[in-house]
N, C-alpha and C. Protein backbone atom coordinates (compact mmCIF):
# COMPACT_ATOMS: atom_id res chain seq x y z
N MET A 1 25.44 -18.82 13.93
CA MET A 1 26.66 -18.07 14.20
C MET A 1 26.31 -16.78 14.92
N GLU A 2 26.99 -16.52 16.00
CA GLU A 2 26.74 -15.30 16.77
C GLU A 2 27.96 -14.40 16.70
N PHE A 3 27.75 -13.13 16.41
CA PHE A 3 28.87 -12.22 16.30
C PHE A 3 28.45 -10.81 16.66
N GLN A 4 29.44 -10.01 16.95
CA GLN A 4 29.21 -8.60 17.23
C GLN A 4 29.70 -7.78 16.05
N VAL A 5 28.99 -6.70 15.77
CA VAL A 5 29.44 -5.80 14.70
C VAL A 5 29.55 -4.40 15.28
N LYS A 6 30.63 -3.74 14.92
CA LYS A 6 30.86 -2.39 15.40
C LYS A 6 30.99 -1.44 14.22
N PHE A 7 30.30 -0.33 14.27
CA PHE A 7 30.37 0.66 13.21
C PHE A 7 30.76 2.00 13.82
N LYS A 8 31.53 2.76 13.07
CA LYS A 8 31.90 4.09 13.52
C LYS A 8 30.76 5.04 13.18
N VAL A 9 30.07 5.50 14.20
CA VAL A 9 28.93 6.39 14.01
C VAL A 9 29.43 7.84 14.08
N ASN A 10 28.84 8.69 13.27
CA ASN A 10 29.25 10.10 13.18
C ASN A 10 29.36 10.75 14.56
N GLU A 11 30.52 11.34 14.83
CA GLU A 11 30.79 11.90 16.16
C GLU A 11 29.94 13.13 16.48
N HIS A 12 29.30 13.74 15.47
CA HIS A 12 28.42 14.87 15.74
C HIS A 12 27.13 14.45 16.44
N LEU A 13 26.87 13.15 16.47
CA LEU A 13 25.62 12.67 17.06
C LEU A 13 25.71 12.44 18.56
N TYR A 14 26.91 12.42 19.09
CA TYR A 14 27.06 12.17 20.52
C TYR A 14 28.09 13.12 21.13
N LEU A 15 27.99 13.30 22.44
CA LEU A 15 28.96 14.09 23.18
C LEU A 15 30.09 13.22 23.70
N LYS A 16 29.74 11.97 24.00
CA LYS A 16 30.69 10.98 24.50
C LYS A 16 30.34 9.67 23.83
N ASP A 17 31.31 9.01 23.22
CA ASP A 17 31.04 7.80 22.45
C ASP A 17 30.46 6.71 23.35
N PRO A 18 29.20 6.30 23.11
CA PRO A 18 28.59 5.29 23.98
C PRO A 18 29.23 3.92 23.85
N GLU A 19 29.92 3.67 22.75
CA GLU A 19 30.55 2.35 22.57
C GLU A 19 31.73 2.14 23.51
N ASN A 20 32.19 3.21 24.13
CA ASN A 20 33.41 3.11 24.95
C ASN A 20 33.15 2.84 26.42
N SER A 21 31.89 2.65 26.80
CA SER A 21 31.60 2.38 28.21
C SER A 21 30.36 1.51 28.35
N GLU A 22 30.28 0.83 29.46
CA GLU A 22 29.13 -0.04 29.73
C GLU A 22 27.84 0.77 29.84
N ILE A 23 27.89 1.91 30.52
CA ILE A 23 26.70 2.74 30.67
C ILE A 23 26.28 3.32 29.33
N GLY A 24 27.25 3.66 28.49
CA GLY A 24 26.93 4.19 27.16
C GLY A 24 26.20 3.16 26.32
N ARG A 25 26.70 1.93 26.33
CA ARG A 25 26.04 0.86 25.57
C ARG A 25 24.66 0.57 26.13
N ALA A 26 24.52 0.68 27.46
CA ALA A 26 23.22 0.46 28.08
C ALA A 26 22.22 1.54 27.66
N ILE A 27 22.70 2.77 27.51
CA ILE A 27 21.85 3.87 27.06
C ILE A 27 21.28 3.56 25.69
N VAL A 28 22.14 3.13 24.76
CA VAL A 28 21.68 2.85 23.40
C VAL A 28 20.75 1.64 23.38
N LYS A 29 21.16 0.57 24.03
CA LYS A 29 20.35 -0.66 24.02
C LYS A 29 18.98 -0.43 24.63
N ASN A 30 18.93 0.27 25.75
CA ASN A 30 17.66 0.49 26.42
C ASN A 30 16.81 1.57 25.76
N SER A 31 17.45 2.46 25.04
CA SER A 31 16.67 3.44 24.28
C SER A 31 15.91 2.75 23.16
N ILE A 32 16.52 1.73 22.57
CA ILE A 32 15.81 0.93 21.56
C ILE A 32 14.61 0.25 22.19
N GLU A 33 14.80 -0.35 23.34
CA GLU A 33 13.70 -1.01 24.03
C GLU A 33 12.58 -0.02 24.34
N LEU A 34 12.95 1.15 24.83
CA LEU A 34 11.96 2.12 25.29
C LEU A 34 11.23 2.78 24.12
N ILE A 35 11.96 3.14 23.07
CA ILE A 35 11.31 3.73 21.90
C ILE A 35 10.35 2.72 21.27
N TYR A 36 10.76 1.46 21.25
CA TYR A 36 9.89 0.40 20.74
C TYR A 36 8.61 0.30 21.58
N GLU A 37 8.77 0.40 22.88
CA GLU A 37 7.61 0.23 23.79
C GLU A 37 6.69 1.44 23.79
N THR A 38 7.25 2.65 23.76
CA THR A 38 6.44 3.85 23.98
C THR A 38 6.22 4.70 22.74
N GLY A 39 7.08 4.53 21.73
CA GLY A 39 7.07 5.43 20.59
C GLY A 39 8.00 6.61 20.85
N PHE A 40 8.50 7.23 19.78
CA PHE A 40 9.49 8.29 19.92
C PHE A 40 8.92 9.53 20.61
N GLU A 41 7.65 9.86 20.34
CA GLU A 41 7.06 11.06 20.93
C GLU A 41 7.00 10.97 22.45
N SER A 42 6.72 9.78 22.96
CA SER A 42 6.60 9.61 24.42
C SER A 42 7.93 9.28 25.09
N PHE A 43 8.93 9.03 24.30
CA PHE A 43 10.25 8.69 24.83
C PHE A 43 10.92 9.94 25.41
N THR A 44 11.44 9.82 26.61
CA THR A 44 12.17 10.93 27.24
C THR A 44 13.44 10.40 27.91
N PHE A 45 14.38 11.29 28.12
CA PHE A 45 15.61 10.91 28.81
C PHE A 45 15.32 10.57 30.28
N LYS A 46 14.29 11.17 30.83
CA LYS A 46 13.91 10.84 32.21
C LYS A 46 13.48 9.38 32.30
N LYS A 47 12.65 8.95 31.37
CA LYS A 47 12.20 7.55 31.36
C LYS A 47 13.37 6.61 31.10
N LEU A 48 14.27 7.01 30.21
CA LEU A 48 15.44 6.19 29.91
C LEU A 48 16.33 6.07 31.13
N ALA A 49 16.54 7.17 31.84
CA ALA A 49 17.38 7.14 33.04
C ALA A 49 16.79 6.20 34.09
N GLN A 50 15.48 6.22 34.23
CA GLN A 50 14.82 5.32 35.18
C GLN A 50 15.02 3.87 34.77
N LYS A 51 14.95 3.61 33.48
CA LYS A 51 15.07 2.24 32.97
C LYS A 51 16.45 1.66 33.20
N ILE A 52 17.47 2.51 33.15
CA ILE A 52 18.84 2.03 33.34
C ILE A 52 19.35 2.30 34.76
N ASN A 53 18.43 2.74 35.63
CA ASN A 53 18.79 3.03 37.04
C ASN A 53 19.93 4.05 37.13
N SER A 54 19.77 5.13 36.37
CA SER A 54 20.79 6.17 36.37
C SER A 54 20.09 7.53 36.46
N THR A 55 20.74 8.56 35.98
CA THR A 55 20.18 9.91 36.06
C THR A 55 20.08 10.52 34.66
N GLU A 56 19.21 11.51 34.52
CA GLU A 56 19.11 12.23 33.25
C GLU A 56 20.44 12.88 32.90
N ALA A 57 21.13 13.38 33.90
CA ALA A 57 22.42 14.04 33.67
C ALA A 57 23.41 13.08 33.00
N THR A 58 23.37 11.82 33.39
CA THR A 58 24.25 10.82 32.79
C THR A 58 23.93 10.64 31.32
N VAL A 59 22.63 10.55 31.00
CA VAL A 59 22.22 10.39 29.60
C VAL A 59 22.67 11.60 28.79
N TYR A 60 22.49 12.79 29.36
CA TYR A 60 22.87 14.02 28.65
C TYR A 60 24.38 14.15 28.47
N ARG A 61 25.14 13.42 29.23
CA ARG A 61 26.59 13.43 29.01
C ARG A 61 26.97 12.72 27.71
N TYR A 62 26.06 11.86 27.24
CA TYR A 62 26.31 11.11 26.00
C TYR A 62 25.59 11.71 24.80
N PHE A 63 24.35 12.16 25.00
CA PHE A 63 23.55 12.69 23.89
C PHE A 63 22.89 14.00 24.30
N SER A 64 22.96 14.99 23.43
CA SER A 64 22.40 16.30 23.76
C SER A 64 20.90 16.38 23.53
N SER A 65 20.34 15.45 22.75
CA SER A 65 18.90 15.46 22.48
C SER A 65 18.44 14.07 22.08
N LYS A 66 17.14 13.83 22.21
CA LYS A 66 16.62 12.53 21.83
C LYS A 66 16.62 12.38 20.30
N HIS A 67 16.57 13.48 19.57
CA HIS A 67 16.66 13.41 18.12
C HIS A 67 18.02 12.87 17.69
N LYS A 68 19.09 13.32 18.33
CA LYS A 68 20.42 12.82 18.00
C LYS A 68 20.58 11.37 18.42
N LEU A 69 19.96 10.98 19.52
CA LEU A 69 20.01 9.58 19.93
C LEU A 69 19.27 8.70 18.92
N LEU A 70 18.10 9.12 18.45
CA LEU A 70 17.37 8.38 17.43
C LEU A 70 18.22 8.26 16.16
N THR A 71 18.83 9.35 15.74
CA THR A 71 19.63 9.34 14.52
C THR A 71 20.86 8.44 14.69
N TYR A 72 21.41 8.41 15.90
CA TYR A 72 22.52 7.49 16.19
C TYR A 72 22.08 6.04 15.98
N ILE A 73 20.93 5.69 16.53
CA ILE A 73 20.40 4.33 16.39
C ILE A 73 20.17 3.99 14.93
N LEU A 74 19.60 4.93 14.18
CA LEU A 74 19.33 4.70 12.77
C LEU A 74 20.62 4.57 11.97
N ASN A 75 21.65 5.35 12.33
CA ASN A 75 22.94 5.23 11.67
C ASN A 75 23.49 3.82 11.83
N TRP A 76 23.39 3.30 13.05
CA TRP A 76 23.85 1.93 13.30
C TRP A 76 23.06 0.96 12.42
N TYR A 77 21.76 1.15 12.32
CA TYR A 77 20.90 0.25 11.53
C TYR A 77 21.27 0.29 10.05
N TRP A 78 21.42 1.50 9.48
CA TRP A 78 21.76 1.59 8.06
C TRP A 78 23.12 0.96 7.80
N SER A 79 24.06 1.17 8.69
CA SER A 79 25.38 0.56 8.53
C SER A 79 25.27 -0.95 8.60
N TYR A 80 24.45 -1.45 9.50
CA TYR A 80 24.26 -2.90 9.62
C TYR A 80 23.64 -3.47 8.34
N ILE A 81 22.61 -2.81 7.79
CA ILE A 81 21.95 -3.32 6.58
C ILE A 81 22.93 -3.38 5.42
N GLU A 82 23.78 -2.35 5.28
CA GLU A 82 24.78 -2.39 4.21
C GLU A 82 25.79 -3.50 4.46
N PHE A 83 26.23 -3.66 5.70
CA PHE A 83 27.19 -4.70 6.06
C PHE A 83 26.63 -6.09 5.73
N ILE A 84 25.40 -6.36 6.19
CA ILE A 84 24.82 -7.69 5.99
C ILE A 84 24.51 -7.93 4.52
N SER A 85 24.16 -6.87 3.79
CA SER A 85 23.89 -7.01 2.35
C SER A 85 25.17 -7.43 1.62
N LYS A 86 26.27 -6.76 1.92
CA LYS A 86 27.53 -7.11 1.27
C LYS A 86 27.96 -8.53 1.63
N LEU A 87 27.68 -8.93 2.86
CA LEU A 87 28.02 -10.28 3.31
C LEU A 87 27.21 -11.32 2.53
N ARG A 88 25.91 -11.08 2.39
CA ARG A 88 25.03 -12.03 1.70
C ARG A 88 25.30 -12.09 0.19
N LEU A 89 25.74 -10.98 -0.38
CA LEU A 89 25.89 -10.92 -1.83
C LEU A 89 27.26 -11.42 -2.32
N GLN A 90 28.14 -11.79 -1.40
CA GLN A 90 29.49 -12.20 -1.79
C GLN A 90 29.49 -13.37 -2.77
N GLU A 91 28.59 -14.32 -2.58
CA GLU A 91 28.58 -15.53 -3.40
C GLU A 91 27.58 -15.45 -4.54
N ILE A 92 26.92 -14.31 -4.72
CA ILE A 92 25.91 -14.17 -5.78
C ILE A 92 26.51 -13.38 -6.93
N LYS A 93 26.41 -13.93 -8.12
CA LYS A 93 27.00 -13.30 -9.30
C LYS A 93 25.96 -12.61 -10.18
N GLU A 94 24.76 -13.17 -10.27
CA GLU A 94 23.74 -12.67 -11.19
C GLU A 94 23.03 -11.45 -10.60
N PRO A 95 23.02 -10.31 -11.30
CA PRO A 95 22.46 -9.06 -10.76
C PRO A 95 21.00 -9.17 -10.30
N GLN A 96 20.17 -9.89 -11.03
CA GLN A 96 18.77 -10.03 -10.64
C GLN A 96 18.65 -10.79 -9.32
N GLN A 97 19.50 -11.79 -9.14
CA GLN A 97 19.51 -12.52 -7.87
C GLN A 97 20.01 -11.65 -6.73
N LYS A 98 20.96 -10.76 -7.04
CA LYS A 98 21.43 -9.81 -6.03
C LYS A 98 20.28 -8.91 -5.58
N MET A 99 19.48 -8.44 -6.56
CA MET A 99 18.34 -7.58 -6.22
C MET A 99 17.32 -8.33 -5.38
N GLU A 100 17.10 -9.58 -5.71
CA GLU A 100 16.17 -10.40 -4.92
C GLU A 100 16.62 -10.47 -3.46
N LYS A 101 17.92 -10.71 -3.27
CA LYS A 101 18.45 -10.80 -1.90
C LYS A 101 18.35 -9.45 -1.18
N ILE A 102 18.63 -8.35 -1.88
CA ILE A 102 18.49 -7.02 -1.29
C ILE A 102 17.06 -6.79 -0.82
N LEU A 103 16.10 -7.15 -1.64
CA LEU A 103 14.70 -6.96 -1.26
C LEU A 103 14.35 -7.79 -0.03
N GLU A 104 14.87 -9.00 0.04
CA GLU A 104 14.63 -9.84 1.22
C GLU A 104 15.23 -9.21 2.47
N ILE A 105 16.40 -8.62 2.33
CA ILE A 105 17.07 -8.02 3.48
C ILE A 105 16.35 -6.77 3.97
N ILE A 106 15.98 -5.87 3.07
CA ILE A 106 15.37 -4.60 3.51
C ILE A 106 13.95 -4.79 4.02
N THR A 107 13.33 -5.94 3.69
CA THR A 107 11.99 -6.23 4.23
C THR A 107 12.06 -7.23 5.38
N HIS A 108 13.27 -7.60 5.76
CA HIS A 108 13.52 -8.57 6.84
C HIS A 108 12.86 -9.91 6.57
N ASN A 109 12.94 -10.34 5.31
CA ASN A 109 12.54 -11.69 4.93
C ASN A 109 13.75 -12.58 4.69
N ASP A 110 14.92 -12.06 4.96
CA ASP A 110 16.16 -12.82 4.77
C ASP A 110 16.26 -13.90 5.84
N GLU A 111 16.32 -15.14 5.40
CA GLU A 111 16.41 -16.25 6.34
C GLU A 111 17.86 -16.43 6.79
N THR A 112 18.10 -16.28 8.06
CA THR A 112 19.46 -16.43 8.58
C THR A 112 19.42 -16.85 10.03
N ASP A 113 20.44 -17.58 10.44
CA ASP A 113 20.59 -17.98 11.84
C ASP A 113 21.55 -17.07 12.59
N ASP A 114 22.06 -16.07 11.89
CA ASP A 114 23.01 -15.15 12.54
C ASP A 114 22.34 -14.40 13.68
N LYS A 115 23.05 -14.26 14.77
CA LYS A 115 22.55 -13.50 15.91
C LYS A 115 23.50 -12.36 16.21
N ILE A 116 22.97 -11.17 16.24
CA ILE A 116 23.79 -9.99 16.55
C ILE A 116 23.64 -9.70 18.03
N GLU A 117 24.74 -9.70 18.76
CA GLU A 117 24.67 -9.50 20.20
C GLU A 117 24.28 -8.08 20.59
N ASP A 118 24.61 -7.13 19.74
CA ASP A 118 24.50 -5.73 20.14
C ASP A 118 23.09 -5.31 20.51
N TYR A 119 22.15 -5.44 19.56
CA TYR A 119 20.81 -4.90 19.76
C TYR A 119 19.75 -5.87 19.27
N ASP A 120 18.51 -5.68 19.74
CA ASP A 120 17.37 -6.48 19.30
C ASP A 120 16.96 -5.99 17.91
N LEU A 121 17.28 -6.77 16.88
CA LEU A 121 17.05 -6.33 15.51
C LEU A 121 15.58 -6.25 15.15
N THR A 122 14.76 -7.12 15.75
CA THR A 122 13.32 -7.07 15.47
C THR A 122 12.73 -5.75 15.97
N LYS A 123 13.09 -5.35 17.17
CA LYS A 123 12.60 -4.09 17.72
C LYS A 123 13.20 -2.91 16.97
N LEU A 124 14.46 -3.03 16.59
CA LEU A 124 15.11 -1.96 15.84
C LEU A 124 14.44 -1.77 14.48
N HIS A 125 14.09 -2.87 13.83
CA HIS A 125 13.39 -2.79 12.55
C HIS A 125 12.04 -2.11 12.71
N ASN A 126 11.33 -2.42 13.79
CA ASN A 126 10.04 -1.77 14.04
C ASN A 126 10.21 -0.27 14.26
N ILE A 127 11.28 0.13 14.93
CA ILE A 127 11.56 1.55 15.13
C ILE A 127 11.83 2.22 13.79
N VAL A 128 12.60 1.56 12.93
CA VAL A 128 12.90 2.11 11.61
C VAL A 128 11.62 2.32 10.81
N ILE A 129 10.72 1.34 10.86
CA ILE A 129 9.45 1.44 10.14
C ILE A 129 8.62 2.63 10.65
N ALA A 130 8.51 2.75 11.95
CA ALA A 130 7.61 3.74 12.53
C ALA A 130 8.24 5.12 12.74
N GLU A 131 9.56 5.18 12.93
CA GLU A 131 10.16 6.42 13.41
C GLU A 131 11.26 7.00 12.52
N SER A 132 11.77 6.26 11.54
CA SER A 132 12.99 6.71 10.85
C SER A 132 12.82 8.05 10.13
N SER A 133 11.65 8.32 9.59
CA SER A 133 11.46 9.58 8.86
C SER A 133 11.59 10.79 9.78
N LYS A 134 11.43 10.58 11.10
CA LYS A 134 11.52 11.69 12.05
C LYS A 134 12.96 12.18 12.21
N ALA A 135 13.91 11.42 11.69
CA ALA A 135 15.30 11.85 11.75
C ALA A 135 15.59 12.93 10.73
N TYR A 136 14.90 12.89 9.58
CA TYR A 136 15.22 13.85 8.52
C TYR A 136 14.05 14.70 8.05
N LEU A 137 12.82 14.34 8.40
CA LEU A 137 11.68 15.20 8.06
C LEU A 137 11.50 16.25 9.14
N VAL A 138 12.51 17.08 9.27
CA VAL A 138 12.53 18.16 10.25
C VAL A 138 12.97 19.44 9.57
N LYS A 139 12.57 20.57 10.11
CA LYS A 139 12.88 21.86 9.50
C LYS A 139 14.37 22.10 9.38
N GLU A 140 15.14 21.57 10.32
CA GLU A 140 16.57 21.84 10.37
C GLU A 140 17.40 20.85 9.54
N VAL A 141 16.75 20.09 8.66
CA VAL A 141 17.44 18.99 7.98
C VAL A 141 18.67 19.45 7.21
N ASP A 142 18.61 20.63 6.58
CA ASP A 142 19.76 21.08 5.79
C ASP A 142 20.97 21.34 6.67
N GLU A 143 20.75 21.94 7.84
CA GLU A 143 21.84 22.19 8.77
C GLU A 143 22.37 20.87 9.33
N ILE A 144 21.46 19.97 9.67
CA ILE A 144 21.86 18.67 10.20
C ILE A 144 22.68 17.91 9.15
N ASN A 145 22.25 18.00 7.91
CA ASN A 145 22.91 17.26 6.83
C ASN A 145 24.35 17.72 6.62
N LYS A 146 24.63 18.99 6.94
CA LYS A 146 26.00 19.50 6.79
C LYS A 146 26.98 18.74 7.68
N GLU A 147 26.48 18.15 8.73
CA GLU A 147 27.34 17.38 9.64
C GLU A 147 27.52 15.94 9.19
N MET A 148 26.97 15.60 8.02
CA MET A 148 27.15 14.29 7.40
C MET A 148 26.55 13.15 8.22
N VAL A 149 25.53 13.44 9.01
CA VAL A 149 24.98 12.40 9.87
C VAL A 149 24.08 11.41 9.12
N PHE A 150 23.77 11.72 7.87
CA PHE A 150 22.96 10.79 7.07
C PHE A 150 23.83 9.97 6.12
N SER A 151 25.13 9.99 6.31
CA SER A 151 26.04 9.29 5.41
C SER A 151 25.76 7.79 5.31
N PRO A 152 25.45 7.08 6.41
CA PRO A 152 25.17 5.64 6.27
C PRO A 152 23.96 5.35 5.39
N LEU A 153 22.92 6.17 5.48
CA LEU A 153 21.76 5.99 4.62
C LEU A 153 22.13 6.25 3.16
N LYS A 154 22.90 7.30 2.93
CA LYS A 154 23.33 7.61 1.57
C LYS A 154 24.23 6.50 1.01
N SER A 155 25.08 5.97 1.86
CA SER A 155 25.97 4.89 1.43
C SER A 155 25.19 3.64 1.07
N LEU A 156 24.18 3.31 1.87
CA LEU A 156 23.33 2.16 1.58
C LEU A 156 22.59 2.34 0.26
N CYS A 157 22.03 3.53 0.05
CA CYS A 157 21.32 3.81 -1.20
C CYS A 157 22.26 3.74 -2.40
N ALA A 158 23.49 4.21 -2.23
CA ALA A 158 24.47 4.14 -3.32
C ALA A 158 24.81 2.69 -3.64
N PHE A 159 24.95 1.87 -2.60
CA PHE A 159 25.25 0.45 -2.78
C PHE A 159 24.12 -0.25 -3.54
N ILE A 160 22.87 -0.01 -3.10
CA ILE A 160 21.73 -0.62 -3.79
C ILE A 160 21.61 -0.06 -5.20
N GLY A 161 21.87 1.24 -5.36
CA GLY A 161 21.83 1.86 -6.68
C GLY A 161 22.81 1.22 -7.64
N ASP A 162 23.99 0.85 -7.14
CA ASP A 162 24.99 0.19 -7.99
C ASP A 162 24.48 -1.16 -8.49
N ILE A 163 23.76 -1.87 -7.62
CA ILE A 163 23.22 -3.18 -8.03
C ILE A 163 22.11 -3.00 -9.05
N ILE A 164 21.28 -1.97 -8.86
CA ILE A 164 20.23 -1.67 -9.84
C ILE A 164 20.86 -1.35 -11.20
N ALA A 165 21.92 -0.54 -11.18
CA ALA A 165 22.62 -0.18 -12.43
C ALA A 165 23.27 -1.39 -13.07
N GLU A 166 23.73 -2.31 -12.24
CA GLU A 166 24.32 -3.54 -12.76
C GLU A 166 23.25 -4.41 -13.43
N ALA A 167 22.07 -4.44 -12.82
CA ALA A 167 20.98 -5.25 -13.36
C ALA A 167 20.40 -4.65 -14.64
N LYS A 168 20.37 -3.31 -14.70
CA LYS A 168 19.84 -2.63 -15.89
C LYS A 168 20.68 -1.38 -16.14
N PRO A 169 21.77 -1.52 -16.88
CA PRO A 169 22.72 -0.42 -17.07
C PRO A 169 22.12 0.85 -17.66
N ASP A 170 21.05 0.74 -18.44
CA ASP A 170 20.47 1.94 -19.05
C ASP A 170 19.37 2.56 -18.19
N PHE A 171 19.18 2.05 -16.98
CA PHE A 171 18.16 2.62 -16.09
C PHE A 171 18.65 3.98 -15.58
N PRO A 172 17.87 5.06 -15.78
CA PRO A 172 18.40 6.40 -15.49
C PRO A 172 18.31 6.86 -14.03
N TYR A 173 17.63 6.09 -13.17
CA TYR A 173 17.40 6.59 -11.80
C TYR A 173 17.77 5.56 -10.73
N PRO A 174 18.95 5.02 -10.73
CA PRO A 174 19.26 3.95 -9.77
C PRO A 174 19.24 4.38 -8.30
N LYS A 175 19.80 5.56 -7.98
CA LYS A 175 19.80 6.01 -6.58
C LYS A 175 18.40 6.42 -6.13
N SER A 176 17.66 7.07 -7.01
CA SER A 176 16.29 7.46 -6.66
C SER A 176 15.44 6.22 -6.41
N PHE A 177 15.63 5.21 -7.24
CA PHE A 177 14.86 3.98 -7.05
C PHE A 177 15.30 3.25 -5.79
N ALA A 178 16.59 3.30 -5.48
CA ALA A 178 17.09 2.67 -4.26
C ALA A 178 16.45 3.29 -3.02
N SER A 179 16.43 4.63 -2.95
CA SER A 179 15.81 5.29 -1.79
C SER A 179 14.30 5.06 -1.78
N THR A 180 13.69 4.98 -2.96
CA THR A 180 12.26 4.69 -3.04
C THR A 180 11.95 3.30 -2.50
N LEU A 181 12.78 2.33 -2.84
CA LEU A 181 12.58 0.97 -2.34
C LEU A 181 12.64 0.93 -0.80
N LEU A 182 13.63 1.62 -0.23
CA LEU A 182 13.77 1.64 1.23
C LEU A 182 12.56 2.28 1.88
N GLU A 183 12.16 3.44 1.40
CA GLU A 183 11.02 4.14 2.00
C GLU A 183 9.73 3.35 1.80
N THR A 184 9.56 2.77 0.62
CA THR A 184 8.36 1.98 0.35
C THR A 184 8.29 0.75 1.24
N ALA A 185 9.43 0.12 1.47
CA ALA A 185 9.47 -1.03 2.36
C ALA A 185 8.95 -0.68 3.74
N HIS A 186 9.32 0.51 4.23
CA HIS A 186 8.88 0.93 5.56
C HIS A 186 7.42 1.38 5.55
N ASP A 187 7.07 2.21 4.57
CA ASP A 187 5.71 2.75 4.52
C ASP A 187 4.67 1.65 4.34
N GLN A 188 4.93 0.73 3.41
CA GLN A 188 3.95 -0.32 3.15
C GLN A 188 3.82 -1.30 4.31
N GLN A 189 4.92 -1.53 5.01
CA GLN A 189 4.84 -2.39 6.21
C GLN A 189 3.97 -1.71 7.27
N PHE A 190 4.19 -0.42 7.47
CA PHE A 190 3.41 0.33 8.47
C PHE A 190 1.94 0.37 8.07
N PHE A 191 1.67 0.68 6.81
CA PHE A 191 0.29 0.74 6.34
C PHE A 191 -0.38 -0.63 6.43
N SER A 192 0.34 -1.67 6.05
CA SER A 192 -0.23 -3.02 6.08
C SER A 192 -0.63 -3.42 7.49
N GLU A 193 0.18 -3.00 8.47
CA GLU A 193 -0.10 -3.35 9.87
C GLU A 193 -1.19 -2.48 10.48
N HIS A 194 -1.20 -1.19 10.14
CA HIS A 194 -2.05 -0.25 10.87
C HIS A 194 -3.14 0.41 10.03
N LEU A 195 -2.88 0.60 8.75
CA LEU A 195 -3.85 1.24 7.86
C LEU A 195 -4.00 0.40 6.59
N PRO A 196 -4.45 -0.84 6.74
CA PRO A 196 -4.40 -1.80 5.62
C PRO A 196 -5.16 -1.38 4.37
N LYS A 197 -6.17 -0.52 4.51
CA LYS A 197 -6.91 -0.11 3.32
C LYS A 197 -6.13 0.88 2.46
N LEU A 198 -4.96 1.29 2.92
CA LEU A 198 -4.04 2.04 2.08
C LEU A 198 -3.17 1.10 1.25
N THR A 199 -3.34 -0.19 1.46
CA THR A 199 -2.61 -1.21 0.71
C THR A 199 -3.63 -2.18 0.12
N ASP A 200 -3.12 -3.18 -0.60
CA ASP A 200 -3.98 -4.24 -1.12
C ASP A 200 -3.95 -5.47 -0.22
N ASN A 201 -3.31 -5.33 0.93
CA ASN A 201 -3.24 -6.47 1.84
C ASN A 201 -4.49 -6.61 2.69
N HIS A 202 -5.43 -5.68 2.59
CA HIS A 202 -6.68 -5.84 3.32
C HIS A 202 -7.58 -6.87 2.64
N ILE A 203 -7.19 -7.30 1.43
CA ILE A 203 -7.99 -8.27 0.68
C ILE A 203 -7.56 -9.69 1.04
N ASN A 204 -6.28 -9.98 0.84
CA ASN A 204 -5.79 -11.34 1.08
C ASN A 204 -5.28 -11.54 2.50
N LYS A 205 -4.84 -10.45 3.12
CA LYS A 205 -4.36 -10.46 4.50
C LYS A 205 -3.26 -11.49 4.75
N ILE A 206 -2.22 -11.43 3.91
CA ILE A 206 -1.07 -12.30 4.12
C ILE A 206 -0.12 -11.64 5.12
N ASP A 207 0.91 -12.37 5.52
CA ASP A 207 1.91 -11.84 6.44
C ASP A 207 2.43 -10.50 5.92
N HIS A 208 2.55 -9.51 6.83
CA HIS A 208 2.91 -8.15 6.42
C HIS A 208 4.25 -8.11 5.69
N LYS A 209 5.26 -8.77 6.25
CA LYS A 209 6.58 -8.74 5.63
C LYS A 209 6.56 -9.41 4.26
N LYS A 210 5.83 -10.51 4.13
CA LYS A 210 5.75 -11.18 2.84
C LYS A 210 5.00 -10.32 1.83
N TYR A 211 3.94 -9.64 2.29
CA TYR A 211 3.20 -8.76 1.39
C TYR A 211 4.11 -7.67 0.83
N VAL A 212 4.89 -7.05 1.69
CA VAL A 212 5.78 -5.97 1.25
C VAL A 212 6.83 -6.51 0.29
N LEU A 213 7.39 -7.68 0.60
CA LEU A 213 8.38 -8.28 -0.29
C LEU A 213 7.77 -8.57 -1.66
N ASP A 214 6.58 -9.14 -1.69
CA ASP A 214 5.91 -9.44 -2.96
C ASP A 214 5.66 -8.16 -3.76
N TYR A 215 5.25 -7.12 -3.07
CA TYR A 215 4.99 -5.84 -3.74
C TYR A 215 6.27 -5.25 -4.33
N LEU A 216 7.35 -5.27 -3.55
CA LEU A 216 8.62 -4.71 -4.04
C LEU A 216 9.19 -5.56 -5.18
N ARG A 217 9.00 -6.86 -5.09
CA ARG A 217 9.42 -7.73 -6.20
C ARG A 217 8.71 -7.32 -7.49
N PHE A 218 7.41 -7.11 -7.38
CA PHE A 218 6.60 -6.79 -8.56
C PHE A 218 7.08 -5.50 -9.23
N ILE A 219 7.23 -4.45 -8.44
CA ILE A 219 7.61 -3.18 -9.05
C ILE A 219 9.07 -3.19 -9.50
N THR A 220 9.92 -3.89 -8.76
CA THR A 220 11.35 -3.91 -9.10
C THR A 220 11.60 -4.67 -10.40
N PHE A 221 11.11 -5.88 -10.48
CA PHE A 221 11.47 -6.73 -11.62
C PHE A 221 10.64 -6.41 -12.87
N ASN A 222 9.58 -5.65 -12.70
CA ASN A 222 8.89 -5.13 -13.88
C ASN A 222 9.57 -3.87 -14.41
N LEU A 223 10.35 -3.24 -13.54
CA LEU A 223 11.02 -2.00 -13.93
C LEU A 223 12.42 -2.24 -14.47
N ILE A 224 13.13 -3.20 -13.89
CA ILE A 224 14.53 -3.38 -14.29
C ILE A 224 14.78 -4.74 -14.94
N LYS A 225 13.75 -5.39 -15.44
CA LYS A 225 13.96 -6.70 -16.09
C LYS A 225 14.69 -6.53 -17.42
């Protein structure tokens, strides 16, 4: 099944809504391609303008900085993960099974034939693993947070936290554990791929995504069983 999904992204992240024009959508789509190829540090609006055969001025009409463009992309991703999680969990009643499915989704082990037309999800997932912390591990985070630009991440953590609380009602830290699971999923995938001796995957050397899923399963179901 192929479908498009549209999410309302915080208007403080853009000057002109990229969803409302072909060039705007091209800016977002190609920024994902370019950040994936070069990394966020090497990514520039000049390179992006060249990639879309346009001008830097055009890019700046949509986004005032590459940090806001990155955060825009991440907002779309967090909204997508919450959307797909709710979709997958509709037919699941047992809380432990819901947690299993959540872990599969956040580690991208969820088996599905669905195709999202909007963006390359594999490349987007790689950007989230390598670059997502750069959206909020900045000195200005408190001021940025006042504009509610991290709401999709908070909403996703609240959703996962509710499932954790459903699975173990007396568990005192559902939201903290939800955010820990998300960050651990990203950190362990990155370490497994690039710094394997920071993980235990340098011993068995199984598929990175499967290793992370197995690890999250272990800590989750030993904690909330």
